[in-house]
Amino acid sequence: MDAGEYLETAVRDVLTAPEARLDDRIGYAALLLAVTGALEEADRLVTQWQSRTERPVTALAPDPVRARAWAMLFEARGGRPEWASGLSPLDLDAEERAHTASLRKPVSDLDGVLPPGPIAQVVQHVAPSRPDRVRTALADGDLESWASLTGPHPDVATLAATRALAPALVAGADPLGLRDWAPACAGALVAALHERYPADLGSWPDLVGHILRLRGTGALPPPASEASIRSAELRLGVELPEDHRDFLRTCDGLPADVVFPRLLGTADLRAENGVVVLADPAVLLLSAGHVVEVDPVLGTSVHSSFRAALVKHATLLAQAS
């Protein structure tokens, strides 16, 4: 499996494909992440898909094999994540018997050649058949052989639905060798979901509230008073841009999170070398009406406004959530 090519196509579909195709992409990707042992990444992707689309989780398991796959993974991990409450419980013993029979079922090179009907049924009975080597590897519990035989689009649903193998998958067997790639995959797909279904961030309380929800933290910090904003401006010797004043009127600073520094409140704003330091550490600077972001890894970028910097922050935080 070419992980880079797969992810490029998957992101494109999440951004532009019809919703049914998008759901199929997310459902496959979530199972792909799960069979690498990246269960938290799978949960993150599905949770973000639910949040953005508000569609029922059954859309990610539209057929018996995918539903069975999730059921076996839930058993192996010892419980269901919160997002899976909408999936119906299954009789795992019955599902295991049905799945084992399907893995051992012979196949023919003529399967799928003819449209369904009486002629196809006759041909199916008389055509030469053979074991399916990929499915036989799963039935034999041979993950290494399965990985070597599977094609560019591995059938991860059938893999995960194999009850005897699910514990090894959950434990990190990672037959496709994609574990290190999993966070980047989940992050890219989550970012694409947020681009396709942007949150309504029209007001400052909406934007800050969205950031706090992504962080999973508590209530909105208290706002700054007009007097404290004006006092800060007098101390700094500059008039703050109106959007930064609106931020301070919404909350007098924000603590740091996994992708952003602490945003300073009115009491901590300071001027250094002709610029206003907006964050601690000093990676956000106000200069000539623009917000300059200094990233030691990604370099320096200039935002048209303080709000633009926070919108970017919300996007990055969504990828990390």
C-alpha atoms as a PDB file:
ATOM      1  CA  MET A   1       0.000   0.000   0.000  1.00  0.00           C
ATOM      2  CA  ASP A   2       1.353   3.390  -1.007  1.00  0.00           C
ATOM      3  CA  ALA A   3       0.419   5.428   2.069  1.00  0.00           C
ATOM      4  CA  GLY A   4       1.187   8.784   0.473  1.00  0.00           C
ATOM      5  CA  GLU A   5      -0.885   8.112  -2.627  1.00  0.00           C
ATOM      6  CA  TYR A   6      -3.733   6.731  -0.534  1.00  0.00           C
ATOM      7  CA  LEU A   7      -3.812   9.777   1.742  1.00  0.00           C
ATOM      8  CA  GLU A   8      -3.720  12.232  -1.152  1.00  0.00           C
ATOM      9  CA  THR A   9      -6.741  10.551  -2.733  1.00  0.00           C
ATOM     10  CA  ALA A  10      -8.565  10.230   0.583  1.00  0.00           C
ATOM     11  CA  VAL A  11      -8.116  13.914   1.429  1.00  0.00           C
ATOM     12  CA  ARG A  12      -9.348  14.908  -2.021  1.00  0.00           C
ATOM     13  CA  ASP A  13     -12.469  12.786  -1.576  1.00  0.00           C
ATOM     14  CA  VAL A  14     -13.150  14.197   1.879  1.00  0.00           C
ATOM     15  CA  LEU A  15     -12.935  17.698   0.440  1.00  0.00           C
ATOM     16  CA  THR A  16     -14.908  17.224  -2.769  1.00  0.00           C
ATOM     17  CA  ALA A  17     -16.667  13.860  -3.116  1.00  0.00           C
ATOM     18  CA  PRO A  18     -20.403  13.287  -2.581  1.00  0.00           C
ATOM     19  CA  GLU A  19     -21.295  12.621   1.036  1.00  0.00           C
ATOM     20  CA  ALA A  20     -21.761   8.879   0.566  1.00  0.00           C
ATOM     21  CA  ARG A  21     -18.244   8.623  -0.869  1.00  0.00           C
ATOM     22  CA  LEU A  22     -16.888  10.800   1.936  1.00  0.00           C
ATOM     23  CA  ASP A  23     -18.484   8.526   4.548  1.00  0.00           C
ATOM     24  CA  ASP A  24     -16.997   5.486   2.837  1.00  0.00           C
ATOM     25  CA  ARG A  25     -13.564   7.120   2.889  1.00  0.00           C
ATOM     26  CA  ILE A  26     -13.787   7.970   6.582  1.00  0.00           C
ATOM     27  CA  GLY A  27     -15.121   4.515   7.459  1.00  0.00           C
ATOM     28  CA  TYR A  28     -12.284   2.803   5.626  1.00  0.00           C
ATOM     29  CA  ALA A  29      -9.668   5.160   7.062  1.00  0.00           C
ATOM     30  CA  ALA A  30     -10.914   4.625  10.612  1.00  0.00           C
ATOM     31  CA  LEU A  31     -10.605   0.855  10.223  1.00  0.00           C
ATOM     32  CA  LEU A  32      -7.201   1.259   8.593  1.00  0.00           C
ATOM     33  CA  LEU A  33      -6.025   3.265  11.594  1.00  0.00           C
ATOM     34  CA  ALA A  34      -7.535   0.741  13.995  1.00  0.00           C
ATOM     35  CA  VAL A  35      -5.796  -2.276  12.440  1.00  0.00           C
ATOM     36  CA  THR A  36      -2.455  -0.483  12.766  1.00  0.00           C
ATOM     37  CA  GLY A  37      -3.112  -0.312  16.510  1.00  0.00           C
ATOM     38  CA  ALA A  38      -3.734   3.451  16.360  1.00  0.00           C
ATOM     39  CA  LEU A  39      -7.074   3.222  18.156  1.00  0.00           C
ATOM     40  CA  GLU A  40      -6.936   6.751  19.550  1.00  0.00           C
ATOM     41  CA  GLU A  41      -6.392   8.120  16.049  1.00  0.00           C
ATOM     42  CA  ALA A  42      -9.327   6.080  14.746  1.00  0.00           C
ATOM     43  CA  ASP A  43     -11.510   7.395  17.573  1.00  0.00           C
ATOM     44  CA  ARG A  44     -10.372  10.957  16.880  1.00  0.00           C
ATOM     45  CA  LEU A  45     -11.206  10.694  13.201  1.00  0.00           C
ATOM     46  CA  VAL A  46     -14.679   9.241  13.759  1.00  0.00           C
ATOM     47  CA  THR A  47     -15.476  11.720  16.530  1.00  0.00           C
ATOM     48  CA  GLN A  48     -14.501  14.648  14.326  1.00  0.00           C
ATOM     49  CA  TRP A  49     -16.525  13.208  11.430  1.00  0.00           C
ATOM     50  CA  GLN A  50     -19.555  12.951  13.721  1.00  0.00           C
ATOM     51  CA  SER A  51     -19.049  16.492  14.972  1.00  0.00           C
ATOM     52  CA  ARG A  52     -18.686  17.963  11.495  1.00  0.00           C
ATOM     53  CA  THR A  53     -21.356  15.999   9.595  1.00  0.00           C
ATOM     54  CA  GLU A  54     -23.872  15.109  12.345  1.00  0.00           C
ATOM     55  CA  ARG A  55     -24.631  11.910  10.435  1.00  0.00           C
ATOM     56  CA  PRO A  56     -25.340   8.596  12.213  1.00  0.00           C
ATOM     57  CA  VAL A  57     -22.329   6.398  12.820  1.00  0.00           C
ATOM     58  CA  THR A  58     -24.061   3.572  10.965  1.00  0.00           C
ATOM     59  CA  ALA A  59     -23.015   5.399   7.781  1.00  0.00           C
ATOM     60  CA  LEU A  60     -19.459   4.249   8.542  1.00  0.00           C
ATOM     61  CA  ALA A  61     -20.516   0.603   8.848  1.00  0.00           C
ATOM     62  CA  PRO A  62     -23.061   0.208   6.046  1.00  0.00           C
ATOM     63  CA  ASP A  63     -22.463  -3.498   5.418  1.00  0.00           C
ATOM     64  CA  PRO A  64     -22.246  -6.617   7.599  1.00  0.00           C
ATOM     65  CA  VAL A  65     -18.470  -6.986   7.280  1.00  0.00           C
ATOM     66  CA  ARG A  66     -17.671  -3.473   8.509  1.00  0.00           C
ATOM     67  CA  ALA A  67     -20.179  -3.793  11.337  1.00  0.00           C
ATOM     68  CA  ARG A  68     -18.594  -7.129  12.263  1.00  0.00           C
ATOM     69  CA  ALA A  69     -15.112  -5.621  12.075  1.00  0.00           C
ATOM     70  CA  TRP A  70     -15.934  -2.921  14.603  1.00  0.00           C
ATOM     71  CA  ALA A  71     -17.658  -5.418  16.889  1.00  0.00           C
ATOM     72  CA  MET A  72     -14.574  -7.650  16.963  1.00  0.00           C
ATOM     73  CA  LEU A  73     -12.281  -4.691  17.593  1.00  0.00           C
ATOM     74  CA  PHE A  74     -14.486  -3.471  20.444  1.00  0.00           C
ATOM     75  CA  GLU A  75     -14.349  -6.900  22.059  1.00  0.00           C
ATOM     76  CA  ALA A  76     -10.572  -7.010  21.697  1.00  0.00           C
ATOM     77  CA  ARG A  77     -10.092  -3.555  23.220  1.00  0.00           C
ATOM     78  CA  GLY A  78     -12.411  -4.343  26.105  1.00  0.00           C
ATOM     79  CA  GLY A  79     -15.214  -1.904  25.396  1.00  0.00           C
ATOM     80  CA  ARG A  80     -16.819   0.552  23.035  1.00  0.00           C
ATOM     81  CA  PRO A  81     -15.697   4.156  22.612  1.00  0.00           C
ATOM     82  CA  GLU A  82     -18.345   6.807  23.084  1.00  0.00           C
ATOM     83  CA  TRP A  83     -18.783   7.383  19.352  1.00  0.00           C
ATOM     84  CA  ALA A  84     -19.892   3.765  18.825  1.00  0.00           C
ATOM     85  CA  SER A  85     -23.081   3.974  20.886  1.00  0.00           C
ATOM     86  CA  GLY A  86     -25.112   4.126  17.678  1.00  0.00           C
ATOM     87  CA  LEU A  87     -23.866   0.747  16.419  1.00  0.00           C
ATOM     88  CA  SER A  88     -26.075  -2.211  17.293  1.00  0.00           C
ATOM     89  CA  PRO A  89     -24.521  -5.008  19.389  1.00  0.00           C
ATOM     90  CA  LEU A  90     -23.914  -8.238  17.487  1.00  0.00           C
ATOM     91  CA  ASP A  91     -23.921 -11.919  18.403  1.00  0.00           C
ATOM     92  CA  LEU A  92     -20.152 -12.333  18.180  1.00  0.00           C
ATOM     93  CA  ASP A  93     -20.191 -16.130  18.123  1.00  0.00           C
ATOM     94  CA  ALA A  94     -22.640 -16.171  15.218  1.00  0.00           C
ATOM     95  CA  GLU A  95     -20.663 -13.466  13.445  1.00  0.00           C
ATOM     96  CA  GLU A  96     -17.447 -15.429  13.919  1.00  0.00           C
ATOM     97  CA  ARG A  97     -18.976 -18.546  12.366  1.00  0.00           C
ATOM     98  CA  ALA A  98     -20.298 -16.607   9.394  1.00  0.00           C
ATOM     99  CA  HIS A  99     -16.976 -14.854   8.904  1.00  0.00           C
ATOM    100  CA  THR A 100     -14.929 -18.039   9.094  1.00  0.00           C
ATOM    101  CA  ALA A 101     -17.183 -19.640   6.490  1.00  0.00           C
ATOM    102  CA  SER A 102     -16.722 -16.646   4.191  1.00  0.00           C
ATOM    103  CA  LEU A 103     -12.939 -16.827   4.558  1.00  0.00           C
ATOM    104  CA  ARG A 104     -12.922 -20.498   3.550  1.00  0.00           C
ATOM    105  CA  LYS A 105     -15.359 -20.072   0.675  1.00  0.00           C
ATOM    106  CA  PRO A 106     -13.745 -20.945  -2.693  1.00  0.00           C
ATOM    107  CA  VAL A 107     -13.648 -18.301  -5.396  1.00  0.00           C
ATOM    108  CA  SER A 108     -13.761 -18.450  -9.174  1.00  0.00           C
ATOM    109  CA  ASP A 109     -12.155 -16.241 -11.776  1.00  0.00           C
ATOM    110  CA  LEU A 110     -15.662 -15.849 -13.200  1.00  0.00           C
ATOM    111  CA  ASP A 111     -17.082 -14.338 -10.014  1.00  0.00           C
ATOM    112  CA  GLY A 112     -18.606 -10.968 -10.806  1.00  0.00           C
ATOM    113  CA  VAL A 113     -18.208 -11.356 -14.557  1.00  0.00           C
ATOM    114  CA  LEU A 114     -21.909 -12.030 -15.152  1.00  0.00           C
ATOM    115  CA  PRO A 115     -24.747  -9.947 -13.739  1.00  0.00           C
ATOM    116  CA  PRO A 116     -26.763 -11.585 -10.947  1.00  0.00           C
ATOM    117  CA  GLY A 117     -29.365 -14.029 -12.240  1.00  0.00           C
ATOM    118  CA  PRO A 118     -30.044 -17.669 -13.109  1.00  0.00           C
ATOM    119  CA  ILE A 119     -27.206 -17.912 -15.640  1.00  0.00           C
ATOM    120  CA  ALA A 120     -24.700 -16.542 -13.148  1.00  0.00           C
ATOM    121  CA  GLN A 121     -25.881 -19.082 -10.571  1.00  0.00           C
ATOM    122  CA  VAL A 122     -25.392 -21.978 -13.007  1.00  0.00           C
ATOM    123  CA  VAL A 123     -21.935 -20.730 -13.991  1.00  0.00           C
ATOM    124  CA  GLN A 124     -21.021 -20.365 -10.340  1.00  0.00           C
ATOM    125  CA  HIS A 125     -21.792 -24.030  -9.719  1.00  0.00           C
ATOM    126  CA  VAL A 126     -19.894 -25.410 -12.722  1.00  0.00           C
ATOM    127  CA  ALA A 127     -16.947 -23.012 -12.982  1.00  0.00           C
ATOM    128  CA  PRO A 128     -13.603 -24.142 -11.545  1.00  0.00           C
ATOM    129  CA  SER A 129     -13.004 -22.782  -8.062  1.00  0.00           C
ATOM    130  CA  ARG A 130      -9.970 -22.287  -5.850  1.00  0.00           C
ATOM    131  CA  PRO A 131      -9.194 -21.006  -2.364  1.00  0.00           C
ATOM    132  CA  ASP A 132      -8.799 -17.251  -1.983  1.00  0.00           C
ATOM    133  CA  ARG A 133      -5.185 -16.982  -0.815  1.00  0.00           C
ATOM    134  CA  VAL A 134      -5.668 -13.631   0.918  1.00  0.00           C
ATOM    135  CA  ARG A 135      -8.688 -14.799   2.894  1.00  0.00           C
ATOM    136  CA  THR A 136      -7.108 -18.166   3.596  1.00  0.00           C
ATOM    137  CA  ALA A 137      -4.180 -16.366   5.209  1.00  0.00           C
ATOM    138  CA  LEU A 138      -6.632 -14.665   7.564  1.00  0.00           C
ATOM    139  CA  ALA A 139      -8.403 -17.926   8.310  1.00  0.00           C
ATOM    140  CA  ASP A 140      -5.017 -19.452   9.142  1.00  0.00           C
ATOM    141  CA  GLY A 141      -4.110 -16.498  11.370  1.00  0.00           C
ATOM    142  CA  ASP A 142      -1.116 -15.634   9.190  1.00  0.00           C
ATOM    143  CA  LEU A 143      -0.840 -11.842   9.261  1.00  0.00           C
ATOM    144  CA  GLU A 144       2.522 -11.808   7.517  1.00  0.00           C
ATOM    145  CA  SER A 145       1.204 -13.750   4.533  1.00  0.00           C
ATOM    146  CA  TRP A 146      -1.931 -11.613   4.412  1.00  0.00           C
ATOM    147  CA  ALA A 147       0.158  -8.434   4.294  1.00  0.00           C
ATOM    148  CA  SER A 148       2.344  -9.811   1.509  1.00  0.00           C
ATOM    149  CA  LEU A 149      -0.640 -10.911  -0.585  1.00  0.00           C
ATOM    150  CA  THR A 150      -2.962  -7.956  -0.124  1.00  0.00           C
ATOM    151  CA  GLY A 151      -3.138  -5.391  -2.891  1.00  0.00           C
ATOM    152  CA  PRO A 152      -2.904  -1.593  -2.971  1.00  0.00           C
ATOM    153  CA  HIS A 153      -6.279  -1.265  -1.195  1.00  0.00           C
ATOM    154  CA  PRO A 154      -6.136  -3.787   1.672  1.00  0.00           C
ATOM    155  CA  ASP A 155      -9.451  -5.223   2.810  1.00  0.00           C
ATOM    156  CA  VAL A 156      -9.039  -4.016   6.380  1.00  0.00           C
ATOM    157  CA  ALA A 157     -12.684  -4.703   7.228  1.00  0.00           C
ATOM    158  CA  THR A 158     -12.292  -8.420   6.540  1.00  0.00           C
ATOM    159  CA  LEU A 159      -9.023  -8.379   8.469  1.00  0.00           C
ATOM    160  CA  ALA A 160     -10.528  -6.680  11.529  1.00  0.00           C
ATOM    161  CA  ALA A 161     -13.614  -8.902  11.385  1.00  0.00           C
ATOM    162  CA  THR A 162     -11.426 -11.977  11.943  1.00  0.00           C
ATOM    163  CA  ARG A 163     -12.038 -12.527  15.635  1.00  0.00           C
ATOM    164  CA  ALA A 164      -8.891 -14.536  16.310  1.00  0.00           C
ATOM    165  CA  LEU A 165      -6.717 -11.729  14.921  1.00  0.00           C
ATOM    166  CA  ALA A 166      -8.455  -8.720  16.474  1.00  0.00           C
ATOM    167  CA  PRO A 167      -6.545  -8.906  19.800  1.00  0.00           C
ATOM    168  CA  ALA A 168      -3.203  -8.854  17.977  1.00  0.00           C
ATOM    169  CA  LEU A 169      -4.319  -5.881  15.888  1.00  0.00           C
ATOM    170  CA  VAL A 170      -5.439  -3.946  18.951  1.00  0.00           C
ATOM    171  CA  ALA A 171      -2.157  -4.793  20.668  1.00  0.00           C
ATOM    172  CA  GLY A 172      -0.191  -3.240  17.798  1.00  0.00           C
ATOM    173  CA  ALA A 173       0.715  -6.099  15.456  1.00  0.00           C
ATOM    174  CA  ASP A 174       0.507  -3.534  12.617  1.00  0.00           C
ATOM    175  CA  PRO A 175       0.721  -5.949   9.661  1.00  0.00           C
ATOM    176  CA  LEU A 176       0.868  -3.096   7.129  1.00  0.00           C
ATOM    177  CA  GLY A 177       3.635  -1.204   8.957  1.00  0.00           C
ATOM    178  CA  LEU A 178       1.692   2.071   9.104  1.00  0.00           C
ATOM    179  CA  ARG A 179       1.740   2.859  12.826  1.00  0.00           C
ATOM    180  CA  ASP A 180       4.123   5.821  12.581  1.00  0.00           C
ATOM    181  CA  TRP A 181       2.093   7.250   9.695  1.00  0.00           C
ATOM    182  CA  ALA A 182      -1.247   6.977  11.485  1.00  0.00           C
ATOM    183  CA  PRO A 183      -1.223  10.364  13.295  1.00  0.00           C
ATOM    184  CA  ALA A 184      -0.421  12.212  10.072  1.00  0.00           C
ATOM    185  CA  CYS A 185      -3.206  10.351   8.276  1.00  0.00           C
ATOM    186  CA  ALA A 186      -5.786  11.140  10.942  1.00  0.00           C
ATOM    187  CA  GLY A 187      -4.643  14.756  11.173  1.00  0.00           C
ATOM    188  CA  ALA A 188      -4.875  15.343   7.431  1.00  0.00           C
ATOM    189  CA  LEU A 189      -8.361  13.841   7.210  1.00  0.00           C
ATOM    190  CA  VAL A 190      -9.591  15.789  10.247  1.00  0.00           C
ATOM    191  CA  ALA A 191      -8.252  19.003   8.722  1.00  0.00           C
ATOM    192  CA  ALA A 192     -10.052  18.185   5.467  1.00  0.00           C
ATOM    193  CA  LEU A 193     -13.295  17.603   7.382  1.00  0.00           C
ATOM    194  CA  HIS A 194     -12.952  20.983   9.062  1.00  0.00           C
ATOM    195  CA  GLU A 195     -12.268  22.645   5.724  1.00  0.00           C
ATOM    196  CA  ARG A 196     -15.326  21.053   4.124  1.00  0.00           C
ATOM    197  CA  TYR A 197     -17.585  21.648   7.126  1.00  0.00           C
ATOM    198  CA  PRO A 198     -16.265  24.835   8.749  1.00  0.00           C
ATOM    199  CA  ALA A 199     -17.643  25.735  12.145  1.00  0.00           C
ATOM    200  CA  ASP A 200     -19.694  28.896  12.452  1.00  0.00           C
ATOM    201  CA  LEU A 201     -17.136  31.188  14.059  1.00  0.00           C
ATOM    202  CA  GLY A 202     -18.856  34.465  13.330  1.00  0.00           C
ATOM    203  CA  SER A 203     -18.430  36.130  16.718  1.00  0.00           C
ATOM    204  CA  TRP A 204     -15.494  36.245  19.091  1.00  0.00           C
ATOM    205  CA  PRO A 205     -17.361  34.184  21.730  1.00  0.00           C
ATOM    206  CA  ASP A 206     -18.049  31.604  18.984  1.00  0.00           C
ATOM    207  CA  LEU A 207     -14.374  31.420  18.010  1.00  0.00           C
ATOM    208  CA  VAL A 208     -12.995  31.277  21.547  1.00  0.00           C
ATOM    209  CA  GLY A 209     -15.705  28.815  22.578  1.00  0.00           C
ATOM    210  CA  HIS A 210     -14.800  26.613  19.602  1.00  0.00           C
ATOM    211  CA  ILE A 211     -11.147  26.630  20.663  1.00  0.00           C
ATOM    212  CA  LEU A 212     -12.077  25.718  24.232  1.00  0.00           C
ATOM    213  CA  ARG A 213     -14.261  22.838  23.020  1.00  0.00           C
ATOM    214  CA  LEU A 214     -11.405  21.513  20.906  1.00  0.00           C
ATOM    215  CA  ARG A 215      -9.164  21.731  23.949  1.00  0.00           C
ATOM    216  CA  GLY A 216     -11.726  19.963  26.093  1.00  0.00           C
ATOM    217  CA  THR A 217     -11.275  22.618  28.766  1.00  0.00           C
ATOM    218  CA  GLY A 218     -13.720  24.493  30.930  1.00  0.00           C
ATOM    219  CA  ALA A 219     -15.491  27.804  30.911  1.00  0.00           C
ATOM    220  CA  LEU A 220     -14.546  30.946  29.054  1.00  0.00           C
ATOM    221  CA  PRO A 221     -12.048  33.066  31.022  1.00  0.00           C
ATOM    222  CA  PRO A 222     -13.444  36.404  32.229  1.00  0.00           C
ATOM    223  CA  PRO A 223     -13.289  39.385  29.862  1.00  0.00           C
ATOM    224  CA  ALA A 224     -11.104  42.449  30.268  1.00  0.00           C
ATOM    225  CA  SER A 225     -12.751  45.715  31.196  1.00  0.00           C
ATOM    226  CA  GLU A 226     -12.586  48.729  28.922  1.00  0.00           C
ATOM    227  CA  ALA A 227     -10.512  50.458  31.586  1.00  0.00           C
ATOM    228  CA  SER A 228      -7.921  47.654  31.668  1.00  0.00           C
ATOM    229  CA  ILE A 229      -7.710  47.608  27.861  1.00  0.00           C
ATOM    230  CA  ARG A 230      -7.158  51.351  27.767  1.00  0.00           C
ATOM    231  CA  SER A 231      -4.610  51.137  30.582  1.00  0.00           C
ATOM    232  CA  ALA A 232      -2.669  48.497  28.637  1.00  0.00           C
ATOM    233  CA  GLU A 233      -2.667  50.696  25.526  1.00  0.00           C
ATOM    234  CA  LEU A 234      -1.339  53.653  27.495  1.00  0.00           C
ATOM    235  CA  ARG A 235       1.401  51.489  28.992  1.00  0.00           C
ATOM    236  CA  LEU A 236       2.353  50.066  25.590  1.00  0.00           C
ATOM    237  CA  GLY A 237       2.156  53.398  23.806  1.00  0.00           C
ATOM    238  CA  VAL A 238       0.030  51.948  20.986  1.00  0.00           C
ATOM    239  CA  GLU A 239      -3.634  51.515  20.204  1.00  0.00           C
ATOM    240  CA  LEU A 240      -4.458  47.839  19.854  1.00  0.00           C
ATOM    241  CA  PRO A 241      -6.241  46.718  16.669  1.00  0.00           C
ATOM    242  CA  GLU A 242      -9.992  46.501  17.083  1.00  0.00           C
ATOM    243  CA  ASP A 243     -10.088  42.723  16.631  1.00  0.00           C
ATOM    244  CA  HIS A 244      -7.551  42.271  19.432  1.00  0.00           C
ATOM    245  CA  ARG A 245      -9.614  44.567  21.622  1.00  0.00           C
ATOM    246  CA  ASP A 246     -12.645  42.397  20.807  1.00  0.00           C
ATOM    247  CA  PHE A 247     -10.668  39.313  21.856  1.00  0.00           C
ATOM    248  CA  LEU A 248      -9.803  40.932  25.183  1.00  0.00           C
ATOM    249  CA  ARG A 249     -13.431  41.956  25.651  1.00  0.00           C
ATOM    250  CA  THR A 250     -14.294  38.263  25.214  1.00  0.00           C
ATOM    251  CA  CYS A 251     -11.557  36.846  27.454  1.00  0.00           C
ATOM    252  CA  ASP A 252      -8.602  38.529  29.097  1.00  0.00           C
ATOM    253  CA  GLY A 253      -6.051  36.067  27.708  1.00  0.00           C
ATOM    254  CA  LEU A 254      -6.019  32.299  27.217  1.00  0.00           C
ATOM    255  CA  PRO A 255      -3.772  29.607  28.716  1.00  0.00           C
ATOM    256  CA  ALA A 256      -1.500  27.588  26.439  1.00  0.00           C
ATOM    257  CA  ASP A 257      -2.513  24.338  24.764  1.00  0.00           C
ATOM    258  CA  VAL A 258      -0.790  21.657  22.711  1.00  0.00           C
ATOM    259  CA  VAL A 259      -0.317  23.826  19.620  1.00  0.00           C
ATOM    260  CA  PHE A 260      -0.448  27.426  20.830  1.00  0.00           C
ATOM    261  CA  PRO A 261       1.329  29.505  23.483  1.00  0.00           C
ATOM    262  CA  ARG A 262      -0.338  31.394  26.299  1.00  0.00           C
ATOM    263  CA  LEU A 263      -2.167  34.419  24.909  1.00  0.00           C
ATOM    264  CA  LEU A 264      -1.461  37.364  27.153  1.00  0.00           C
ATOM    265  CA  GLY A 265      -4.114  39.350  28.941  1.00  0.00           C
ATOM    266  CA  THR A 266      -4.088  43.087  29.435  1.00  0.00           C
ATOM    267  CA  ALA A 267      -1.866  42.970  32.519  1.00  0.00           C
ATOM    268  CA  ASP A 268       0.872  40.991  30.743  1.00  0.00           C
ATOM    269  CA  LEU A 269       1.008  42.592  27.299  1.00  0.00           C
ATOM    270  CA  ARG A 270       4.391  44.231  26.776  1.00  0.00           C
ATOM    271  CA  ALA A 271       6.350  46.127  24.153  1.00  0.00           C
ATOM    272  CA  GLU A 272       9.824  45.069  23.042  1.00  0.00           C
ATOM    273  CA  ASN A 273      11.915  46.690  20.312  1.00  0.00           C
ATOM    274  CA  GLY A 274       8.948  48.483  18.806  1.00  0.00           C
ATOM    275  CA  VAL A 275       6.593  45.487  18.680  1.00  0.00           C
ATOM    276  CA  VAL A 276       3.886  44.312  21.071  1.00  0.00           C
ATOM    277  CA  VAL A 277       4.360  40.812  22.467  1.00  0.00           C
ATOM    278  CA  LEU A 278       1.005  39.007  22.452  1.00  0.00           C
ATOM    279  CA  ALA A 279       2.028  35.579  23.729  1.00  0.00           C
ATOM    280  CA  ASP A 280       4.345  33.796  26.118  1.00  0.00           C
ATOM    281  CA  PRO A 281       6.732  32.617  24.821  1.00  0.00           C
ATOM    282  CA  ALA A 282       7.044  35.561  22.449  1.00  0.00           C
ATOM    283  CA  VAL A 283       6.008  33.812  19.241  1.00  0.00           C
ATOM    284  CA  LEU A 284       3.093  36.142  18.409  1.00  0.00           C
ATOM    285  CA  LEU A 285       4.013  39.764  17.825  1.00  0.00           C
ATOM    286  CA  LEU A 286       1.988  42.801  16.794  1.00  0.00           C
ATOM    287  CA  SER A 287       3.893  44.891  14.286  1.00  0.00           C
ATOM    288  CA  ALA A 288       2.528  47.617  11.996  1.00  0.00           C
ATOM    289  CA  GLY A 289      -1.017  46.321  12.382  1.00  0.00           C
ATOM    290  CA  HIS A 290      -0.128  42.747  11.441  1.00  0.00           C
ATOM    291  CA  VAL A 291       0.348  39.708  13.653  1.00  0.00           C
ATOM    292  CA  VAL A 292       3.679  37.992  13.082  1.00  0.00           C
ATOM    293  CA  GLU A 293       3.968  34.352  14.126  1.00  0.00           C
ATOM    294  CA  VAL A 294       7.495  33.094  14.757  1.00  0.00           C
ATOM    295  CA  ASP A 295       7.713  29.311  14.631  1.00  0.00           C
ATOM    296  CA  PRO A 296      11.178  27.803  15.189  1.00  0.00           C
ATOM    297  CA  VAL A 297      10.250  24.803  13.031  1.00  0.00           C
ATOM    298  CA  LEU A 298       7.935  26.175  10.339  1.00  0.00           C
ATOM    299  CA  GLY A 299       9.447  29.645  10.122  1.00  0.00           C
ATOM    300  CA  THR A 300       7.817  33.065  10.284  1.00  0.00           C
ATOM    301  CA  SER A 301       4.361  33.816   8.927  1.00  0.00           C
ATOM    302  CA  VAL A 302       2.340  37.020   8.855  1.00  0.00           C
ATOM    303  CA  HIS A 303      -1.381  37.076   9.617  1.00  0.00           C
ATOM    304  CA  SER A 304      -3.623  39.885   8.482  1.00  0.00           C
ATOM    305  CA  SER A 305      -5.161  40.110  11.947  1.00  0.00           C
ATOM    306  CA  PHE A 306      -5.145  38.599  15.414  1.00  0.00           C
ATOM    307  CA  ARG A 307      -8.377  36.808  14.559  1.00  0.00           C
ATOM    308  CA  ALA A 308      -6.770  35.231  11.492  1.00  0.00           C
ATOM    309  CA  ALA A 309      -4.018  33.846  13.729  1.00  0.00           C
ATOM    310  CA  LEU A 310      -6.594  32.312  16.078  1.00  0.00           C
ATOM    311  CA  VAL A 311      -8.588  30.793  13.212  1.00  0.00           C
ATOM    312  CA  LYS A 312      -5.386  29.107  12.038  1.00  0.00           C
ATOM    313  CA  HIS A 313      -4.815  27.988  15.612  1.00  0.00           C
ATOM    314  CA  ALA A 314      -8.286  26.432  15.731  1.00  0.00           C
ATOM    315  CA  THR A 315      -7.549  24.506  12.526  1.00  0.00           C
ATOM    316  CA  LEU A 316      -4.268  23.163  13.905  1.00  0.00           C
ATOM    317  CA  LEU A 317      -5.917  22.315  17.202  1.00  0.00           C
ATOM    318  CA  ALA A 318      -8.618  20.352  15.384  1.00  0.00           C
ATOM    319  CA  GLN A 319      -5.906  18.241  13.753  1.00  0.00           C
ATOM    320  CA  ALA A 320      -4.334  17.549  17.133  1.00  0.00           C
ATOM    321  CA  SER A 321      -7.600  16.939  18.994  1.00  0.00           C
END
